[in-house]
Amino acid sequence: MAALSDKSVANARRGEHSDDLVRGLILMVRPSTAKDQPGALRRTWVLRFSRGGKRQRIGLGAYPLVGLAAARRKARDALRAIDEGRRRQSPPAG
């Protein structure tokens, strides 16, 4: 794995591509469902994380409307909010 770049995102082939710089940030590349673009690929950003022992996903938007830098920023913000929520829910120590 490697950190994603603007060029690698634009040219990514079908599948899921992880970013090494932000934990859980995934670029999902799937066939488009648009009838006017047969064979085209759509790219969407997803954040994967675990909460309560369950794997979950949050959609962060579609590329190119959400570029790599914005996806990383959104993912970091979401991870921060998730971590803060966990700290509030955990019982006080001692």
N, C-alpha and C. Protein backbone atom coordinates (compact mmCIF):
# COMPACT_ATOMS: atom_id res chain seq x y z
N MET A 1 0.83 -1.19 0.00
CA MET A 1 0.00 0.00 0.00
C MET A 1 0.88 1.25 0.00
N ALA A 2 0.30 2.32 -0.47
CA ALA A 2 1.00 3.59 -0.50
C ALA A 2 -0.01 4.71 -0.32
N ALA A 3 0.50 5.87 -0.03
CA ALA A 3 -0.37 7.02 0.08
C ALA A 3 -0.94 7.33 -1.30
N LEU A 4 -2.21 7.65 -1.35
CA LEU A 4 -2.83 8.02 -2.61
C LEU A 4 -2.31 9.38 -3.06
N SER A 5 -2.32 9.59 -4.36
CA SER A 5 -1.96 10.89 -4.93
C SER A 5 -3.11 11.32 -5.83
N ASP A 6 -3.13 12.59 -6.21
CA ASP A 6 -4.19 13.07 -7.11
C ASP A 6 -4.19 12.26 -8.40
N LYS A 7 -3.01 11.95 -8.93
CA LYS A 7 -2.91 11.20 -10.17
C LYS A 7 -3.40 9.76 -10.00
N SER A 8 -3.02 9.11 -8.89
CA SER A 8 -3.45 7.72 -8.68
C SER A 8 -4.96 7.63 -8.47
N VAL A 9 -5.56 8.64 -7.85
CA VAL A 9 -7.01 8.66 -7.65
C VAL A 9 -7.72 8.80 -9.00
N ALA A 10 -7.25 9.72 -9.83
CA ALA A 10 -7.88 9.95 -11.13
C ALA A 10 -7.77 8.74 -12.05
N ASN A 11 -6.70 7.96 -11.89
CA ASN A 11 -6.46 6.82 -12.77
C ASN A 11 -6.72 5.47 -12.11
N ALA A 12 -7.31 5.48 -10.92
CA ALA A 12 -7.50 4.23 -10.18
C ALA A 12 -8.41 3.27 -10.94
N ARG A 13 -8.02 2.00 -10.90
CA ARG A 13 -8.83 0.95 -11.52
C ARG A 13 -9.89 0.47 -10.53
N ARG A 14 -10.79 -0.34 -11.03
CA ARG A 14 -11.89 -0.88 -10.24
C ARG A 14 -11.36 -1.56 -8.98
N GLY A 15 -12.04 -1.33 -7.87
CA GLY A 15 -11.66 -1.94 -6.59
C GLY A 15 -11.65 -0.93 -5.47
N GLU A 16 -11.00 -1.30 -4.37
CA GLU A 16 -10.89 -0.43 -3.21
C GLU A 16 -9.43 -0.10 -2.98
N HIS A 17 -9.16 1.19 -2.77
CA HIS A 17 -7.80 1.68 -2.64
C HIS A 17 -7.66 2.44 -1.32
N SER A 18 -6.79 1.94 -0.45
CA SER A 18 -6.58 2.56 0.87
C SER A 18 -5.54 3.66 0.80
N ASP A 19 -5.71 4.63 1.67
CA ASP A 19 -4.74 5.71 1.79
C ASP A 19 -3.91 5.47 3.06
N ASP A 20 -2.60 5.43 2.94
CA ASP A 20 -1.75 5.19 4.09
C ASP A 20 -1.63 6.39 5.02
N LEU A 21 -2.05 7.56 4.57
CA LEU A 21 -1.90 8.76 5.40
C LEU A 21 -3.05 8.96 6.38
N VAL A 22 -4.23 8.44 6.06
CA VAL A 22 -5.39 8.59 6.95
C VAL A 22 -6.00 7.21 7.19
N ARG A 23 -5.99 6.79 8.44
CA ARG A 23 -6.51 5.49 8.83
C ARG A 23 -7.97 5.34 8.41
N GLY A 24 -8.26 4.31 7.62
CA GLY A 24 -9.63 3.99 7.24
C GLY A 24 -10.16 4.66 5.99
N LEU A 25 -9.40 5.58 5.40
CA LEU A 25 -9.87 6.27 4.19
C LEU A 25 -9.71 5.34 2.99
N ILE A 26 -10.82 5.12 2.27
CA ILE A 26 -10.84 4.21 1.14
C ILE A 26 -11.44 4.93 -0.08
N LEU A 27 -10.81 4.75 -1.24
CA LEU A 27 -11.40 5.18 -2.51
C LEU A 27 -12.03 3.94 -3.13
N MET A 28 -13.34 3.96 -3.32
CA MET A 28 -14.04 2.84 -3.93
C MET A 28 -14.31 3.19 -5.39
N VAL A 29 -13.86 2.31 -6.28
CA VAL A 29 -14.04 2.52 -7.72
C VAL A 29 -14.92 1.40 -8.24
N ARG A 30 -16.11 1.79 -8.71
CA ARG A 30 -17.12 0.83 -9.17
C ARG A 30 -17.66 1.25 -10.53
N PRO A 31 -18.29 0.31 -11.24
CA PRO A 31 -18.92 0.68 -12.51
C PRO A 31 -20.04 1.71 -12.28
N SER A 32 -20.13 2.65 -13.17
CA SER A 32 -21.18 3.66 -13.09
C SER A 32 -22.53 3.04 -13.45
N THR A 33 -23.57 3.54 -12.82
CA THR A 33 -24.92 3.08 -13.14
C THR A 33 -25.62 4.04 -14.09
N ALA A 34 -24.92 5.08 -14.52
CA ALA A 34 -25.50 6.06 -15.44
C ALA A 34 -25.67 5.43 -16.82
N LYS A 35 -26.88 5.52 -17.35
CA LYS A 35 -27.16 4.91 -18.65
C LYS A 35 -26.47 5.63 -19.80
N ASP A 36 -26.16 6.91 -19.60
CA ASP A 36 -25.50 7.67 -20.67
C ASP A 36 -23.98 7.51 -20.64
N GLN A 37 -23.44 6.72 -19.68
CA GLN A 37 -22.00 6.50 -19.60
C GLN A 37 -21.68 5.02 -19.41
N PRO A 38 -22.03 4.19 -20.38
CA PRO A 38 -21.74 2.75 -20.23
C PRO A 38 -20.24 2.50 -20.15
N GLY A 39 -19.84 1.67 -19.22
CA GLY A 39 -18.43 1.33 -19.06
C GLY A 39 -17.63 2.32 -18.23
N ALA A 40 -18.24 3.43 -17.85
CA ALA A 40 -17.53 4.42 -17.04
C ALA A 40 -17.42 3.93 -15.59
N LEU A 41 -16.44 4.47 -14.89
CA LEU A 41 -16.25 4.11 -13.48
C LEU A 41 -16.61 5.31 -12.61
N ARG A 42 -17.21 5.03 -11.46
CA ARG A 42 -17.48 6.09 -10.49
C ARG A 42 -16.56 5.88 -9.30
N ARG A 43 -16.14 6.97 -8.72
CA ARG A 43 -15.21 6.94 -7.59
C ARG A 43 -15.86 7.63 -6.41
N THR A 44 -15.89 6.94 -5.28
CA THR A 44 -16.46 7.53 -4.07
C THR A 44 -15.52 7.31 -2.89
N TRP A 45 -15.57 8.23 -1.95
CA TRP A 45 -14.75 8.16 -0.74
C TRP A 45 -15.57 7.58 0.40
N VAL A 46 -14.93 6.68 1.15
CA VAL A 46 -15.58 6.03 2.29
C VAL A 46 -14.58 6.00 3.45
N LEU A 47 -15.10 6.17 4.65
CA LEU A 47 -14.28 6.00 5.85
C LEU A 47 -14.76 4.75 6.57
N ARG A 48 -13.86 3.81 6.78
CA ARG A 48 -14.18 2.58 7.52
C ARG A 48 -13.62 2.70 8.93
N PHE A 49 -14.42 2.26 9.89
CA PHE A 49 -13.99 2.30 11.29
C PHE A 49 -14.78 1.26 12.06
N SER A 50 -14.36 0.99 13.28
CA SER A 50 -15.09 0.06 14.14
C SER A 50 -15.65 0.81 15.33
N ARG A 51 -16.89 0.46 15.69
CA ARG A 51 -17.51 1.06 16.87
C ARG A 51 -18.32 -0.04 17.54
N GLY A 52 -18.05 -0.27 18.80
CA GLY A 52 -18.77 -1.32 19.53
C GLY A 52 -18.51 -2.70 18.95
N GLY A 53 -17.32 -2.91 18.40
CA GLY A 53 -16.99 -4.19 17.82
C GLY A 53 -17.57 -4.45 16.45
N LYS A 54 -18.26 -3.47 15.89
CA LYS A 54 -18.86 -3.62 14.55
C LYS A 54 -18.15 -2.70 13.56
N ARG A 55 -17.90 -3.25 12.38
CA ARG A 55 -17.31 -2.44 11.31
C ARG A 55 -18.41 -1.58 10.70
N GLN A 56 -18.08 -0.31 10.49
CA GLN A 56 -19.04 0.63 9.92
C GLN A 56 -18.36 1.46 8.85
N ARG A 57 -19.19 2.11 8.03
CA ARG A 57 -18.69 2.97 6.96
C ARG A 57 -19.46 4.28 6.95
N ILE A 58 -18.76 5.32 6.61
CA ILE A 58 -19.36 6.64 6.41
C ILE A 58 -18.96 7.10 5.01
N GLY A 59 -19.94 7.50 4.21
CA GLY A 59 -19.65 8.06 2.90
C GLY A 59 -19.16 9.49 3.04
N LEU A 60 -18.11 9.83 2.32
CA LEU A 60 -17.52 11.17 2.40
C LEU A 60 -17.73 11.99 1.14
N GLY A 61 -18.29 11.37 0.10
CA GLY A 61 -18.57 12.11 -1.12
C GLY A 61 -17.97 11.45 -2.34
N ALA A 62 -18.35 11.97 -3.49
CA ALA A 62 -17.92 11.42 -4.78
C ALA A 62 -16.77 12.24 -5.34
N TYR A 63 -15.83 11.54 -5.93
CA TYR A 63 -14.73 12.18 -6.66
C TYR A 63 -15.24 12.48 -8.06
N PRO A 64 -14.99 13.61 -8.65
CA PRO A 64 -14.05 14.66 -8.29
C PRO A 64 -14.66 15.80 -7.48
N LEU A 65 -15.95 15.72 -7.14
CA LEU A 65 -16.53 16.79 -6.32
C LEU A 65 -15.80 16.92 -4.99
N VAL A 66 -15.40 15.79 -4.43
CA VAL A 66 -14.57 15.78 -3.23
C VAL A 66 -13.21 15.24 -3.64
N GLY A 67 -12.22 16.10 -3.66
CA GLY A 67 -10.87 15.70 -4.05
C GLY A 67 -10.15 14.99 -2.91
N LEU A 68 -8.93 14.59 -3.17
CA LEU A 68 -8.15 13.84 -2.20
C LEU A 68 -7.91 14.63 -0.92
N ALA A 69 -7.50 15.88 -1.03
CA ALA A 69 -7.23 16.69 0.16
C ALA A 69 -8.49 16.87 1.00
N ALA A 70 -9.62 17.13 0.35
CA ALA A 70 -10.89 17.30 1.08
C ALA A 70 -11.33 15.98 1.72
N ALA A 71 -11.12 14.86 1.03
CA ALA A 71 -11.49 13.56 1.59
C ALA A 71 -10.66 13.26 2.84
N ARG A 72 -9.37 13.57 2.78
CA ARG A 72 -8.52 13.37 3.96
C ARG A 72 -8.98 14.24 5.12
N ARG A 73 -9.32 15.49 4.83
CA ARG A 73 -9.78 16.41 5.87
C ARG A 73 -11.09 15.92 6.48
N LYS A 74 -12.04 15.51 5.64
CA LYS A 74 -13.31 14.99 6.13
C LYS A 74 -13.11 13.73 6.97
N ALA A 75 -12.22 12.85 6.53
CA ALA A 75 -11.95 11.61 7.26
C ALA A 75 -11.34 11.90 8.63
N ARG A 76 -10.38 12.81 8.67
CA ARG A 76 -9.76 13.17 9.96
C ARG A 76 -10.78 13.79 10.90
N ASP A 77 -11.64 14.67 10.38
CA ASP A 77 -12.68 15.28 11.20
C ASP A 77 -13.63 14.23 11.75
N ALA A 78 -14.03 13.28 10.91
CA ALA A 78 -14.95 12.23 11.33
C ALA A 78 -14.30 11.32 12.37
N LEU A 79 -13.03 10.96 12.16
CA LEU A 79 -12.32 10.12 13.14
C LEU A 79 -12.19 10.83 14.48
N ARG A 80 -11.93 12.13 14.44
CA ARG A 80 -11.84 12.91 15.68
C ARG A 80 -13.18 12.90 16.41
N ALA A 81 -14.26 13.09 15.69
CA ALA A 81 -15.60 13.09 16.31
C ALA A 81 -15.94 11.71 16.87
N ILE A 82 -15.57 10.66 16.16
CA ILE A 82 -15.82 9.29 16.63
C ILE A 82 -15.03 9.03 17.90
N ASP A 83 -13.75 9.43 17.91
CA ASP A 83 -12.92 9.23 19.10
C ASP A 83 -13.44 10.03 20.29
N GLU A 84 -13.90 11.26 20.05
CA GLU A 84 -14.45 12.06 21.14
C GLU A 84 -15.73 11.43 21.68
N GLY A 85 -16.55 10.88 20.82
CA GLY A 85 -17.78 10.20 21.25
C GLY A 85 -17.47 8.98 22.08
N ARG A 86 -16.43 8.25 21.73
CA ARG A 86 -16.02 7.08 22.52
C ARG A 86 -15.57 7.49 23.90
N ARG A 87 -14.81 8.58 23.97
CA ARG A 87 -14.32 9.03 25.27
C ARG A 87 -15.47 9.47 26.17
N ARG A 88 -16.49 10.09 25.60
CA ARG A 88 -17.64 10.53 26.39
C ARG A 88 -18.46 9.34 26.87
N GLN A 89 -18.50 8.26 26.08
CA GLN A 89 -19.31 7.11 26.43
C GLN A 89 -18.61 6.15 27.37
N SER A 90 -17.27 6.21 27.45
CA SER A 90 -16.57 5.25 28.30
C SER A 90 -16.75 5.65 29.77
N PRO A 91 -16.86 4.64 30.67
CA PRO A 91 -17.07 4.93 32.08
C PRO A 91 -15.84 5.60 32.68
N PRO A 92 -16.04 6.48 33.68
CA PRO A 92 -14.90 7.15 34.29
C PRO A 92 -13.99 6.15 35.00
N ALA A 93 -12.70 6.41 34.90
CA ALA A 93 -11.72 5.53 35.55
C ALA A 93 -11.66 5.81 37.04
N GLY A 94 -11.44 4.76 37.79
CA GLY A 94 -11.16 4.92 39.20
C GLY A 94 -12.29 4.86 40.07
